[in-house]
Structures are given as structure tokens and as C-alpha cells.
PDB file of N, CA and C in Angstrom:
ATOM      1  N   MET A   1      94.585  60.070 -21.189  1.00  0.00           N
ATOM      2  CA  MET A   1      94.767  60.406 -19.521  1.00  0.00           C
ATOM      3  C   MET A   1      93.881  61.054 -18.700  1.00  0.00           C
ATOM      4  N   GLN A   2      92.523  61.090 -19.455  1.00  0.00           N
ATOM      5  CA  GLN A   2      91.515  61.531 -18.207  1.00  0.00           C
ATOM      6  C   GLN A   2      91.164  60.187 -17.979  1.00  0.00           C
ATOM      7  N   LYS A   3      91.214  58.967 -18.686  1.00  0.00           N
ATOM      8  CA  LYS A   3      90.536  57.875 -18.745  1.00  0.00           C
ATOM      9  C   LYS A   3      91.342  56.992 -16.914  1.00  0.00           C
ATOM     10  N   THR A   4      92.245  57.441 -17.128  1.00  0.00           N
ATOM     11  CA  THR A   4      92.958  56.767 -15.697  1.00  0.00           C
ATOM     12  C   THR A   4      92.005  56.597 -14.487  1.00  0.00           C
ATOM     13  N   PRO A   5      91.851  58.335 -13.840  1.00  0.00           N
ATOM     14  CA  PRO A   5      91.144  58.216 -12.775  1.00  0.00           C
ATOM     15  C   PRO A   5      89.609  57.956 -12.601  1.00  0.00           C
ATOM     16  N   ALA A   6      89.053  57.324 -13.566  1.00  0.00           N
ATOM     17  CA  ALA A   6      88.110  56.732 -13.790  1.00  0.00           C
ATOM     18  C   ALA A   6      88.277  55.251 -13.762  1.00  0.00           C
ATOM     19  N   LEU A   7      89.297  54.751 -14.610  1.00  0.00           N
ATOM     20  CA  LEU A   7      89.390  53.338 -14.158  1.00  0.00           C
ATOM     21  C   LEU A   7      89.827  52.978 -12.741  1.00  0.00           C
ATOM     22  N   THR A   8      90.739  53.591 -12.255  1.00  0.00           N
ATOM     23  CA  THR A   8      91.415  53.489 -10.758  1.00  0.00           C
ATOM     24  C   THR A   8      89.860  53.521  -9.969  1.00  0.00           C
ATOM     25  N   ALA A   9      88.833  54.331 -10.055  1.00  0.00           N
ATOM     26  CA  ALA A   9      88.147  54.498  -9.172  1.00  0.00           C
ATOM     27  C   ALA A   9      86.983  53.640  -9.313  1.00  0.00           C
ATOM     28  N   ALA A  10      86.704  52.560 -10.143  1.00  0.00           N
ATOM     29  CA  ALA A  10      86.130  51.789 -11.089  1.00  0.00           C
ATOM     30  C   ALA A  10      86.856  50.469 -10.446  1.00  0.00           C
ATOM     31  N   LEU A  11      88.177  49.933 -10.206  1.00  0.00           N
ATOM     32  CA  LEU A  11      88.824  49.023 -10.159  1.00  0.00           C
ATOM     33  C   LEU A  11      89.001  49.121  -8.336  1.00  0.00           C
ATOM     34  N   LEU A  12      88.940  49.992  -7.765  1.00  0.00           N
ATOM     35  CA  LEU A  12      88.861  50.187  -6.463  1.00  0.00           C
ATOM     36  C   LEU A  12      87.891  49.988  -5.822  1.00  0.00           C
ATOM     37  N   SER A  13      86.878  50.639  -6.581  1.00  0.00           N
ATOM     38  CA  SER A  13      85.099  49.993  -6.043  1.00  0.00           C
ATOM     39  C   SER A  13      85.135  48.486  -6.151  1.00  0.00           C
ATOM     40  N   ALA A  14      85.140  48.102  -7.098  1.00  0.00           N
ATOM     41  CA  ALA A  14      84.974  46.599  -7.544  1.00  0.00           C
ATOM     42  C   ALA A  14      86.103  45.807  -6.256  1.00  0.00           C
ATOM     43  N   ALA A  15      87.176  46.194  -5.879  1.00  0.00           N
ATOM     44  CA  ALA A  15      88.086  45.002  -4.735  1.00  0.00           C
ATOM     45  C   ALA A  15      87.222  45.710  -3.280  1.00  0.00           C
ATOM     46  N   LEU A  16      86.811  46.917  -3.161  1.00  0.00           N
ATOM     47  CA  LEU A  16      85.947  47.149  -1.785  1.00  0.00           C
ATOM     48  C   LEU A  16      84.558  46.146  -2.157  1.00  0.00           C
ATOM     49  N   LEU A  17      84.152  46.358  -2.852  1.00  0.00           N
ATOM     50  CA  LEU A  17      82.336  45.653  -3.140  1.00  0.00           C
ATOM     51  C   LEU A  17      82.969  44.078  -3.144  1.00  0.00           C
ATOM     52  N   ALA A  18      83.820  43.149  -3.707  1.00  0.00           N
ATOM     53  CA  ALA A  18      84.230  42.105  -3.394  1.00  0.00           C
ATOM     54  C   ALA A  18      84.321  41.402  -1.770  1.00  0.00           C
ATOM     55  N   GLY A  19      84.930  42.244  -1.007  1.00  0.00           N
ATOM     56  CA  GLY A  19      84.642  41.966   0.353  1.00  0.00           C
ATOM     57  C   GLY A  19      83.298  41.584   1.028  1.00  0.00           C
ATOM     58  N   CYS A  20      82.263  42.415   0.460  1.00  0.00           N
ATOM     59  CA  CYS A  20      81.251  42.392   0.812  1.00  0.00           C
ATOM     60  C   CYS A  20      80.187  40.879   0.122  1.00  0.00           C
ATOM     61  N   ALA A  21      81.271  40.513  -0.538  1.00  0.00           N
ATOM     62  CA  ALA A  21      80.694  38.855  -0.841  1.00  0.00           C
ATOM     63  C   ALA A  21      80.528  38.118  -0.109  1.00  0.00           C
ATOM     64  N   SER A  22      79.337  36.805  -0.182  1.00  0.00           N
ATOM     65  CA  SER A  22      78.836  35.976   1.194  1.00  0.00           C
ATOM     66  C   SER A  22      79.911  34.754   0.298  1.00  0.00           C
ATOM     67  N   SER A  23      80.356  34.070   1.843  1.00  0.00           N
ATOM     68  CA  SER A  23      81.234  32.565   1.710  1.00  0.00           C
ATOM     69  C   SER A  23      80.810  32.035   0.782  1.00  0.00           C
ATOM     70  N   THR A  24      81.777  31.118   0.585  1.00  0.00           N
ATOM     71  CA  THR A  24      81.101  30.261  -0.629  1.00  0.00           C
ATOM     72  C   THR A  24      80.965  28.691   0.179  1.00  0.00           C
ATOM     73  N   ASP A  25      80.630  28.772   1.234  1.00  0.00           N
ATOM     74  CA  ASP A  25      80.207  27.329   1.787  1.00  0.00           C
ATOM     75  C   ASP A  25      78.930  27.221   1.932  1.00  0.00           C
ATOM     76  N   SER A  26      77.985  27.851   0.832  1.00  0.00           N
ATOM     77  CA  SER A  26      76.299  27.822   1.249  1.00  0.00           C
ATOM     78  C   SER A  26      76.003  28.186   2.771  1.00  0.00           C
ATOM     79  N   GLY A  27      76.757  29.592   3.333  1.00  0.00           N
ATOM     80  CA  GLY A  27      75.961  29.958   4.323  1.00  0.00           C
ATOM     81  C   GLY A  27      76.186  29.185   5.903  1.00  0.00           C
ATOM     82  N   SER A  28      76.972  28.311   5.994  1.00  0.00           N
ATOM     83  CA  SER A  28      76.944  27.852   7.000  1.00  0.00           C
ATOM     84  C   SER A  28      77.657  28.567   7.862  1.00  0.00           C
ATOM     85  N   ARG A  29      78.815  29.055   7.652  1.00  0.00           N
ATOM     86  CA  ARG A  29      79.283  30.263   8.817  1.00  0.00           C
ATOM     87  C   ARG A  29      78.803  31.921   8.352  1.00  0.00           C
ATOM     88  N   LEU A  30      77.603  32.022   9.420  1.00  0.00           N
ATOM     89  CA  LEU A  30      77.068  33.234   8.751  1.00  0.00           C
ATOM     90  C   LEU A  30      77.940  34.306  10.050  1.00  0.00           C
ATOM     91  N   ILE A  31      77.453  35.748   9.335  1.00  0.00           N
ATOM     92  CA  ILE A  31      78.021  36.979  10.033  1.00  0.00           C
ATOM     93  C   ILE A  31      77.230  37.005  11.680  1.00  0.00           C
ATOM     94  N   SER A  32      78.079  36.745  12.674  1.00  0.00           N
ATOM     95  CA  SER A  32      77.256  36.950  13.901  1.00  0.00           C
ATOM     96  C   SER A  32      77.891  38.257  14.727  1.00  0.00           C
ATOM     97  N   PHE A  33      76.575  39.225  14.913  1.00  0.00           N
ATOM     98  CA  PHE A  33      76.996  40.684  15.607  1.00  0.00           C
ATOM     99  C   PHE A  33      77.291  39.771  17.045  1.00  0.00           C
ATOM    100  N   PRO A  34      78.409  40.349  17.808  1.00  0.00           N
ATOM    101  CA  PRO A  34      78.022  40.089  19.024  1.00  0.00           C
ATOM    102  C   PRO A  34      76.875  40.920  19.900  1.00  0.00           C
ATOM    103  N   GLY A  35      76.569  40.329  20.985  1.00  0.00           N
ATOM    104  CA  GLY A  35      75.518  40.621  21.793  1.00  0.00           C
ATOM    105  C   GLY A  35      73.733  40.956  21.024  1.00  0.00           C
ATOM    106  N   ALA A  36      73.981  40.605  19.858  1.00  0.00           N
ATOM    107  CA  ALA A  36      72.824  41.116  18.793  1.00  0.00           C
ATOM    108  C   ALA A  36      71.543  40.155  19.449  1.00  0.00           C
ATOM    109  N   TYR A  37      70.199  40.457  19.366  1.00  0.00           N
ATOM    110  CA  TYR A  37      69.470  39.873  20.148  1.00  0.00           C
ATOM    111  C   TYR A  37      68.769  38.577  19.030  1.00  0.00           C
ATOM    112  N   LYS A  38      68.901  37.595  19.349  1.00  0.00           N
ATOM    113  CA  LYS A  38      68.047  36.479  18.469  1.00  0.00           C
ATOM    114  C   LYS A  38      66.619  36.025  18.830  1.00  0.00           C
ATOM    115  N   ILE A  39      65.803  36.020  18.199  1.00  0.00           N
ATOM    116  CA  ILE A  39      64.526  35.842  18.553  1.00  0.00           C
ATOM    117  C   ILE A  39      64.566  34.130  18.784  1.00  0.00           C
ATOM    118  N   ASP A  40      63.296  33.742  19.519  1.00  0.00           N
ATOM    119  CA  ASP A  40      63.279  31.943  19.336  1.00  0.00           C
ATOM    120  C   ASP A  40      62.053  31.746  17.930  1.00  0.00           C
ATOM    121  N   ILE A  41      61.934  30.934  17.466  1.00  0.00           N
ATOM    122  CA  ILE A  41      61.476  30.529  16.412  1.00  0.00           C
ATOM    123  C   ILE A  41      60.893  29.393  16.638  1.00  0.00           C
ATOM    124  N   GLN A  42      59.628  29.200  16.345  1.00  0.00           N
ATOM    125  CA  GLN A  42      58.402  28.176  16.802  1.00  0.00           C
ATOM    126  C   GLN A  42      57.526  28.265  15.672  1.00  0.00           C
ATOM    127  N   GLN A  43      57.484  26.639  14.892  1.00  0.00           N
ATOM    128  CA  GLN A  43      56.773  26.743  14.205  1.00  0.00           C
ATOM    129  C   GLN A  43      55.920  25.779  13.890  1.00  0.00           C
ATOM    130  N   GLY A  44      54.954  25.379  13.958  1.00  0.00           N
ATOM    131  CA  GLY A  44      53.734  24.266  13.894  1.00  0.00           C
ATOM    132  C   GLY A  44      52.822  24.172  14.948  1.00  0.00           C
ATOM    133  N   THR A  45      52.385  23.174  15.292  1.00  0.00           N
ATOM    134  CA  THR A  45      51.063  23.033  16.687  1.00  0.00           C
ATOM    135  C   THR A  45      51.788  22.734  17.613  1.00  0.00           C
ATOM    136  N   VAL A  46      51.992  23.321  18.781  1.00  0.00           N
ATOM    137  CA  VAL A  46      52.654  22.427  19.994  1.00  0.00           C
ATOM    138  C   VAL A  46      52.117  21.318  20.535  1.00  0.00           C
ATOM    139  N   ILE A  47      52.903  20.412  20.859  1.00  0.00           N
ATOM    140  CA  ILE A  47      52.704  19.011  21.374  1.00  0.00           C
ATOM    141  C   ILE A  47      53.305  18.798  22.497  1.00  0.00           C
ATOM    142  N   THR A  48      52.289  18.208  23.571  1.00  0.00           N
ATOM    143  CA  THR A  48      52.920  18.463  24.708  1.00  0.00           C
ATOM    144  C   THR A  48      52.927  17.122  25.430  1.00  0.00           C
ATOM    145  N   GLN A  49      53.699  16.588  26.521  1.00  0.00           N
ATOM    146  CA  GLN A  49      52.951  15.343  26.571  1.00  0.00           C
ATOM    147  C   GLN A  49      51.804  14.468  27.381  1.00  0.00           C
ATOM    148  N   GLU A  50      51.388  16.043  27.750  1.00  0.00           N
ATOM    149  CA  GLU A  50      50.003  15.788  28.564  1.00  0.00           C
ATOM    150  C   GLU A  50      48.669  15.926  27.382  1.00  0.00           C
ATOM    151  N   MET A  51      49.039  16.593  26.351  1.00  0.00           N
ATOM    152  CA  MET A  51      47.981  16.314  25.211  1.00  0.00           C
ATOM    153  C   MET A  51      47.778  14.959  24.720  1.00  0.00           C
ATOM    154  N   VAL A  52      49.128  14.484  24.414  1.00  0.00           N
ATOM    155  CA  VAL A  52      49.507  13.122  23.872  1.00  0.00           C
ATOM    156  C   VAL A  52      48.358  12.183  24.973  1.00  0.00           C
ATOM    157  N   ASP A  53      48.821  12.046  26.353  1.00  0.00           N
ATOM    158  CA  ASP A  53      47.937  11.203  27.260  1.00  0.00           C
ATOM    159  C   ASP A  53      46.929  11.249  27.474  1.00  0.00           C
ATOM    160  N   GLN A  54      46.044  12.400  26.499  1.00  0.00           N
ATOM    161  CA  GLN A  54      44.501  12.327  26.783  1.00  0.00           C
ATOM    162  C   GLN A  54      44.295  11.498  25.436  1.00  0.00           C
ATOM    163  N   LEU A  55      45.054  11.174  24.686  1.00  0.00           N
ATOM    164  CA  LEU A  55      44.283  10.254  23.509  1.00  0.00           C
ATOM    165  C   LEU A  55      43.979   8.767  23.946  1.00  0.00           C
ATOM    166  N   ARG A  56      43.034   8.372  23.085  1.00  0.00           N
ATOM    167  CA  ARG A  56      42.256   7.452  23.802  1.00  0.00           C
ATOM    168  C   ARG A  56      42.223   6.608  22.374  1.00  0.00           C
ATOM    169  N   PRO A  57      42.409   5.451  22.146  1.00  0.00           N
ATOM    170  CA  PRO A  57      41.708   4.729  21.088  1.00  0.00           C
ATOM    171  C   PRO A  57      40.083   4.887  20.759  1.00  0.00           C
ATOM    172  N   GLY A  58      39.436   4.865  19.780  1.00  0.00           N
ATOM    173  CA  GLY A  58      37.884   4.772  19.550  1.00  0.00           C
ATOM    174  C   GLY A  58      37.667   6.695  19.782  1.00  0.00           C
ATOM    175  N   MET A  59      38.380   7.246  20.182  1.00  0.00           N
ATOM    176  CA  MET A  59      37.960   9.051  20.008  1.00  0.00           C
ATOM    177  C   MET A  59      37.973   9.425  18.268  1.00  0.00           C
ATOM    178  N   THR A  60      36.560  10.259  18.341  1.00  0.00           N
ATOM    179  CA  THR A  60      36.599  10.836  17.296  1.00  0.00           C
ATOM    180  C   THR A  60      37.535  11.812  16.564  1.00  0.00           C
ATOM    181  N   ARG A  61      37.359  12.116  15.738  1.00  0.00           N
ATOM    182  CA  ARG A  61      38.201  13.191  14.801  1.00  0.00           C
ATOM    183  C   ARG A  61      37.985  14.380  15.423  1.00  0.00           C
ATOM    184  N   SER A  62      36.970  14.654  15.794  1.00  0.00           N
ATOM    185  CA  SER A  62      36.011  15.886  16.812  1.00  0.00           C
ATOM    186  C   SER A  62      37.059  16.227  18.022  1.00  0.00           C
ATOM    187  N   GLN A  63      36.996  15.184  18.609  1.00  0.00           N
ATOM    188  CA  GLN A  63      37.335  15.048  20.081  1.00  0.00           C
ATOM    189  C   GLN A  63      39.094  14.788  20.087  1.00  0.00           C
ATOM    190  N   VAL A  64      39.612  14.303  19.027  1.00  0.00           N
ATOM    191  CA  VAL A  64      41.480  14.307  19.045  1.00  0.00           C
ATOM    192  C   VAL A  64      41.542  15.613  18.371  1.00  0.00           C
ATOM    193  N   GLN A  65      40.559  16.527  17.724  1.00  0.00           N
ATOM    194  CA  GLN A  65      40.792  18.039  17.306  1.00  0.00           C
ATOM    195  C   GLN A  65      41.173  18.467  18.483  1.00  0.00           C
ATOM    196  N   TYR A  66      40.044  18.626  19.549  1.00  0.00           N
ATOM    197  CA  TYR A  66      39.418  19.167  20.633  1.00  0.00           C
ATOM    198  C   TYR A  66      40.829  19.300  21.436  1.00  0.00           C
ATOM    199  N   VAL A  67      41.735  18.028  21.581  1.00  0.00           N
ATOM    200  CA  VAL A  67      42.720  18.343  22.942  1.00  0.00           C
ATOM    201  C   VAL A  67      44.109  18.281  21.883  1.00  0.00           C
ATOM    202  N   MET A  68      44.530  18.118  20.612  1.00  0.00           N
ATOM    203  CA  MET A  68      45.170  18.460  19.798  1.00  0.00           C
ATOM    204  C   MET A  68      45.699  20.013  19.102  1.00  0.00           C
ATOM    205  N   GLY A  69      44.183  20.058  18.540  1.00  0.00           N
ATOM    206  CA  GLY A  69      44.110  21.491  17.808  1.00  0.00           C
ATOM    207  C   GLY A  69      44.158  20.822  16.420  1.00  0.00           C
ATOM    208  N   SER A  70      44.215  21.772  15.508  1.00  0.00           N
ATOM    209  CA  SER A  70      44.262  21.372  14.220  1.00  0.00           C
ATOM    210  C   SER A  70      45.386  20.514  13.029  1.00  0.00           C
ATOM    211  N   PRO A  71      45.385  19.708  12.718  1.00  0.00           N
ATOM    212  CA  PRO A  71      46.601  19.027  12.561  1.00  0.00           C
ATOM    213  C   PRO A  71      47.364  20.220  11.368  1.00  0.00           C
ATOM    214  N   LEU A  72      48.730  20.037  11.819  1.00  0.00           N
ATOM    215  CA  LEU A  72      49.689  20.177  10.541  1.00  0.00           C
ATOM    216  C   LEU A  72      49.228  20.466   9.004  1.00  0.00           C
ATOM    217  N   LEU A  73      48.688  18.854   9.009  1.00  0.00           N
ATOM    218  CA  LEU A  73      49.048  18.299   7.884  1.00  0.00           C
ATOM    219  C   LEU A  73      48.061  17.110   7.621  1.00  0.00           C
ATOM    220  N   GLU A  74      47.090  17.205   6.804  1.00  0.00           N
ATOM    221  CA  GLU A  74      45.755  16.614   6.390  1.00  0.00           C
ATOM    222  C   GLU A  74      46.369  15.776   4.935  1.00  0.00           C
ATOM    223  N   ASP A  75      46.461  14.777   5.021  1.00  0.00           N
ATOM    224  CA  ASP A  75      46.879  14.214   3.603  1.00  0.00           C
ATOM    225  C   ASP A  75      46.006  13.964   2.642  1.00  0.00           C
ATOM    226  N   ALA A  76      45.943  14.048   1.338  1.00  0.00           N
ATOM    227  CA  ALA A  76      45.015  14.570   0.700  1.00  0.00           C
ATOM    228  C   ALA A  76      44.937  12.839   0.097  1.00  0.00           C
ATOM    229  N   PHE A  77      45.627  12.173   0.199  1.00  0.00           N
ATOM    230  CA  PHE A  77      45.509  10.753  -0.323  1.00  0.00           C
ATOM    231  C   PHE A  77      45.109   9.702   0.577  1.00  0.00           C
ATOM    232  N   ASP A  78      45.319  10.065   2.066  1.00  0.00           N
ATOM    233  CA  ASP A  78      44.839   9.530   2.924  1.00  0.00           C
ATOM    234  C   ASP A  78      44.443  10.007   4.209  1.00  0.00           C
ATOM    235  N   ARG A  79      42.542  10.187   3.783  1.00  0.00           N
ATOM    236  CA  ARG A  79      42.227  10.488   5.081  1.00  0.00           C
ATOM    237  C   ARG A  79      42.086  10.628   6.388  1.00  0.00           C
ATOM    238  N   ASP A  80      42.324   9.060   6.425  1.00  0.00           N
ATOM    239  CA  ASP A  80      42.797   8.887   7.961  1.00  0.00           C
ATOM    240  C   ASP A  80      44.431   9.090   8.812  1.00  0.00           C
ATOM    241  N   ARG A  81      44.789  10.074   8.232  1.00  0.00           N
ATOM    242  CA  ARG A  81      45.838  10.221   8.886  1.00  0.00           C
ATOM    243  C   ARG A  81      46.012  11.985   9.035  1.00  0.00           C
ATOM    244  N   TRP A  82      46.175  12.157  10.284  1.00  0.00           N
ATOM    245  CA  TRP A  82      46.774  13.696  10.285  1.00  0.00           C
ATOM    246  C   TRP A  82      48.446  13.536  11.144  1.00  0.00           C
ATOM    247  N   ASP A  83      48.998  14.649  10.417  1.00  0.00           N
ATOM    248  CA  ASP A  83      50.270  15.129  11.173  1.00  0.00           C
ATOM    249  C   ASP A  83      50.775  16.181  11.725  1.00  0.00           C
ATOM    250  N   TYR A  84      51.215  16.073  13.037  1.00  0.00           N
ATOM    251  CA  TYR A  84      51.591  17.067  13.834  1.00  0.00           C
ATOM    252  C   TYR A  84      52.933  17.820  13.529  1.00  0.00           C
ATOM    253  N   VAL A  85      53.837  18.586  13.539  1.00  0.00           N
ATOM    254  CA  VAL A  85      55.038  19.065  13.350  1.00  0.00           C
ATOM    255  C   VAL A  85      55.017  20.202  14.422  1.00  0.00           C
ATOM    256  N   TYR A  86      55.845  19.717  15.347  1.00  0.00           N
ATOM    257  CA  TYR A  86      56.182  21.112  15.851  1.00  0.00           C
ATOM    258  C   TYR A  86      58.238  21.535  15.844  1.00  0.00           C
ATOM    259  N   SER A  87      57.999  22.422  15.587  1.00  0.00           N
ATOM    260  CA  SER A  87      59.668  22.757  15.680  1.00  0.00           C
ATOM    261  C   SER A  87      59.753  24.280  16.776  1.00  0.00           C
ATOM    262  N   MET A  88      61.213  24.203  17.235  1.00  0.00           N
ATOM    263  CA  MET A  88      61.661  25.547  18.285  1.00  0.00           C
ATOM    264  C   MET A  88      63.035  25.376  18.088  1.00  0.00           C
ATOM    265  N   GLN A  89      63.523  26.850  17.468  1.00  0.00           N
ATOM    266  CA  GLN A  89      65.074  27.356  17.543  1.00  0.00           C
ATOM    267  C   GLN A  89      65.208  28.352  18.555  1.00  0.00           C
ATOM    268  N   PRO A  90      65.429  27.989  19.695  1.00  0.00           N
ATOM    269  CA  PRO A  90      65.821  29.583  20.715  1.00  0.00           C
ATOM    270  C   PRO A  90      66.443  30.078  20.160  1.00  0.00           C
ATOM    271  N   GLY A  91      67.039  31.149  19.771  1.00  0.00           N
ATOM    272  CA  GLY A  91      67.671  32.210  19.491  1.00  0.00           C
ATOM    273  C   GLY A  91      68.976  32.022  19.379  1.00  0.00           C
ATOM    274  N   GLY A  92      69.408  31.914  18.095  1.00  0.00           N
ATOM    275  CA  GLY A  92      70.995  31.099  17.777  1.00  0.00           C
ATOM    276  C   GLY A  92      71.132  29.716  18.049  1.00  0.00           C
ATOM    277  N   GLY A  93      70.294  29.105  19.014  1.00  0.00           N
ATOM    278  CA  GLY A  93      70.430  27.730  19.105  1.00  0.00           C
ATOM    279  C   GLY A  93      69.942  26.893  18.362  1.00  0.00           C
ATOM    280  N   LYS A  94      70.369  25.793  18.436  1.00  0.00           N
ATOM    281  CA  LYS A  94      70.110  24.541  17.931  1.00  0.00           C
ATOM    282  C   LYS A  94      68.535  24.097  17.494  1.00  0.00           C
ATOM    283  N   ARG A  95      68.334  23.811  16.355  1.00  0.00           N
ATOM    284  CA  ARG A  95      66.837  23.815  16.493  1.00  0.00           C
ATOM    285  C   ARG A  95      65.918  22.353  17.122  1.00  0.00           C
ATOM    286  N   THR A  96      65.162  22.195  17.934  1.00  0.00           N
ATOM    287  CA  THR A  96      64.349  20.683  17.820  1.00  0.00           C
ATOM    288  C   THR A  96      63.166  20.564  17.181  1.00  0.00           C
ATOM    289  N   GLN A  97      62.891  19.481  16.967  1.00  0.00           N
ATOM    290  CA  GLN A  97      61.524  19.201  16.351  1.00  0.00           C
ATOM    291  C   GLN A  97      60.852  17.762  16.787  1.00  0.00           C
ATOM    292  N   GLN A  98      59.323  18.143  16.785  1.00  0.00           N
ATOM    293  CA  GLN A  98      58.853  16.843  17.118  1.00  0.00           C
ATOM    294  C   GLN A  98      57.394  16.594  16.496  1.00  0.00           C
ATOM    295  N   THR A  99      57.591  15.663  16.359  1.00  0.00           N
ATOM    296  CA  THR A  99      56.221  15.140  14.727  1.00  0.00           C
ATOM    297  C   THR A  99      55.492  13.919  15.561  1.00  0.00           C
ATOM    298  N   LEU A 100      54.143  13.662  15.419  1.00  0.00           N
ATOM    299  CA  LEU A 100      53.147  13.188  16.071  1.00  0.00           C
ATOM    300  C   LEU A 100      52.211  13.018  14.584  1.00  0.00           C
ATOM    301  N   THR A 101      52.170  11.462  14.326  1.00  0.00           N
ATOM    302  CA  THR A 101      51.079  11.087  13.029  1.00  0.00           C
ATOM    303  C   THR A 101      49.871  10.263  14.012  1.00  0.00           C
ATOM    304  N   ILE A 102      48.953  10.470  13.499  1.00  0.00           N
ATOM    305  CA  ILE A 102      47.390   9.847  14.357  1.00  0.00           C
ATOM    306  C   ILE A 102      47.162   9.292  13.161  1.00  0.00           C
ATOM    307  N   PHE A 103      46.153   8.136  13.375  1.00  0.00           N
ATOM    308  CA  PHE A 103      45.661   7.461  12.215  1.00  0.00           C
ATOM    309  C   PHE A 103      44.475   7.196  12.986  1.00  0.00           C
ATOM    310  N   PHE A 104      43.439   7.067  11.894  1.00  0.00           N
ATOM    311  CA  PHE A 104      41.917   6.541  12.161  1.00  0.00           C
ATOM    312  C   PHE A 104      41.736   5.398  11.309  1.00  0.00           C
ATOM    313  N   LYS A 105      40.142   5.093  11.594  1.00  0.00           N
ATOM    314  CA  LYS A 105      39.882   4.115  10.668  1.00  0.00           C
ATOM    315  C   LYS A 105      38.369   4.237  11.278  1.00  0.00           C
ATOM    316  N   ASP A 106      37.220   4.485   9.815  1.00  0.00           N
ATOM    317  CA  ASP A 106      35.849   4.908  10.544  1.00  0.00           C
ATOM    318  C   ASP A 106      35.638   5.866  11.517  1.00  0.00           C
ATOM    319  N   ASP A 107      36.392   6.863  11.288  1.00  0.00           N
ATOM    320  CA  ASP A 107      36.366   8.472  11.648  1.00  0.00           C
ATOM    321  C   ASP A 107      36.878   7.913  13.398  1.00  0.00           C
ATOM    322  N   LYS A 108      37.497   7.124  13.444  1.00  0.00           N
ATOM    323  CA  LYS A 108      37.964   6.769  15.295  1.00  0.00           C
ATOM    324  C   LYS A 108      39.291   6.682  15.150  1.00  0.00           C
ATOM    325  N   LEU A 109      40.274   7.010  16.173  1.00  0.00           N
ATOM    326  CA  LEU A 109      41.667   6.969  16.579  1.00  0.00           C
ATOM    327  C   LEU A 109      41.682   5.714  16.419  1.00  0.00           C
ATOM    328  N   VAL A 110      43.054   4.880  16.201  1.00  0.00           N
ATOM    329  CA  VAL A 110      43.317   3.495  16.121  1.00  0.00           C
ATOM    330  C   VAL A 110      44.736   3.318  16.731  1.00  0.00           C
ATOM    331  N   SER A 111      45.706   4.278  16.023  1.00  0.00           N
ATOM    332  CA  SER A 111      46.902   4.836  16.371  1.00  0.00           C
ATOM    333  C   SER A 111      47.357   6.125  16.429  1.00  0.00           C
ATOM    334  N   VAL A 112      48.824   5.810  17.412  1.00  0.00           N
ATOM    335  CA  VAL A 112      49.941   7.302  17.304  1.00  0.00           C
ATOM    336  C   VAL A 112      50.837   6.987  17.100  1.00  0.00           C
ATOM    337  N   GLN A 113      51.624   7.344  16.342  1.00  0.00           N
ATOM    338  CA  GLN A 113      53.162   7.201  16.345  1.00  0.00           C
ATOM    339  C   GLN A 113      53.627   8.639  16.339  1.00  0.00           C
ATOM    340  N   GLY A 114      54.728   8.383  16.651  1.00  0.00           N
ATOM    341  CA  GLY A 114      55.876   9.683  16.412  1.00  0.00           C
ATOM    342  C   GLY A 114      56.909   9.656  17.808  1.00  0.00           C
ATOM    343  N   ASP A 115      57.274  10.903  18.093  1.00  0.00           N
ATOM    344  CA  ASP A 115      58.113  11.298  19.027  1.00  0.00           C
ATOM    345  C   ASP A 115      58.050  11.051  20.396  1.00  0.00           C
ATOM    346  N   LEU A 116      56.392  11.527  20.882  1.00  0.00           N
ATOM    347  CA  LEU A 116      55.748  11.265  22.041  1.00  0.00           C
ATOM    348  C   LEU A 116      54.587  10.170  21.653  1.00  0.00           C
ATOM    349  N   ARG A 117      54.465   8.949  22.847  1.00  0.00           N
ATOM    350  CA  ARG A 117      53.435   8.049  22.613  1.00  0.00           C
ATOM    351  C   ARG A 117      52.654   8.357  24.051  1.00  0.00           C
ATOM    352  N   PRO A 118      51.222   7.817  23.948  1.00  0.00           N
ATOM    353  CA  PRO A 118      50.733   7.953  25.044  1.00  0.00           C
ATOM    354  C   PRO A 118      51.237   6.961  26.268  1.00  0.00           C
ATOM    355  N   THR A 119      51.442   7.337  27.490  1.00  0.00           N
ATOM    356  CA  THR A 119      51.588   6.829  28.492  1.00  0.00           C
ATOM    357  C   THR A 119      51.031   5.625  29.025  1.00  0.00           C
ATOM    358  N   PRO A 120      51.174   4.157  29.103  1.00  0.00           N
ATOM    359  CA  PRO A 120      50.162   3.244  29.239  1.00  0.00           C
ATOM    360  C   PRO A 120      49.308   3.460  30.658  1.00  0.00           C
ATOM    361  N   GLN A 121      48.382   3.528  30.880  1.00  0.00           N
ATOM    362  CA  GLN A 121      47.802   3.326  32.232  1.00  0.00           C
ATOM    363  C   GLN A 121      47.788   1.980  32.861  1.00  0.00           C
TER     364      GLN A 121
END
């Protein structure tokens, strides 16, 4: 007889806690609180068209680093490749990403690939 209140309390607690479980669709529907402030999330090195327009074939590594900043990735297996990645997700919005890869030969800039290209002069 004394076990009935304890068993009832345990079952009630289990039922209430089941409502706190996360959804099974891998978090695609996250809980959103109306009016809650969401911060902008920036990651990587900012890449602008003005910066890319300053790049010229034949520039040294230090000149490129002065213009672009430090690369996000320096390939351990390919010393002549620098990768710049910048992503921005405005508070609660869709994430955008820009990539830029710079190639060197004999420590001189030879080509630029990515989302932004130097504008021809």
C-alpha cells in the first residue's frame, strides 16, 4: 500500500520529463523564443573585394599577408597554398560563406581562386 504513492510520483515525474526531450529530427526545429536577441556569428578572416583587388601576380608572401591578413589555413602538405575562409550568420539568419585560395610559386603569388576574384584593370 505504501508503495503506491511513490510509484505514482515516479510515473508522473517520468511523464513530465518526457516533455523535455529534444525532437528526433536532429535539431532542425530548434526552440525559438519570440523576441529573444540572437547575436551575429562571424568566423574566419574577413575577405572584401577591395582586398582582393590589391592582389597582383608576383607579390611576395609578406605583401599578400599585409593585404589579406593571416590565412586561416596553411596546408601542411602544400606550402604554396593559403586558404582564407569567412562565414557570417546574422542573428538567426542564413549563414553565408566566402572562400579564397591563393597559390604561390617560388614564394611569389601566381594565382587566386575562390568566391572573389581580382577585377581586371
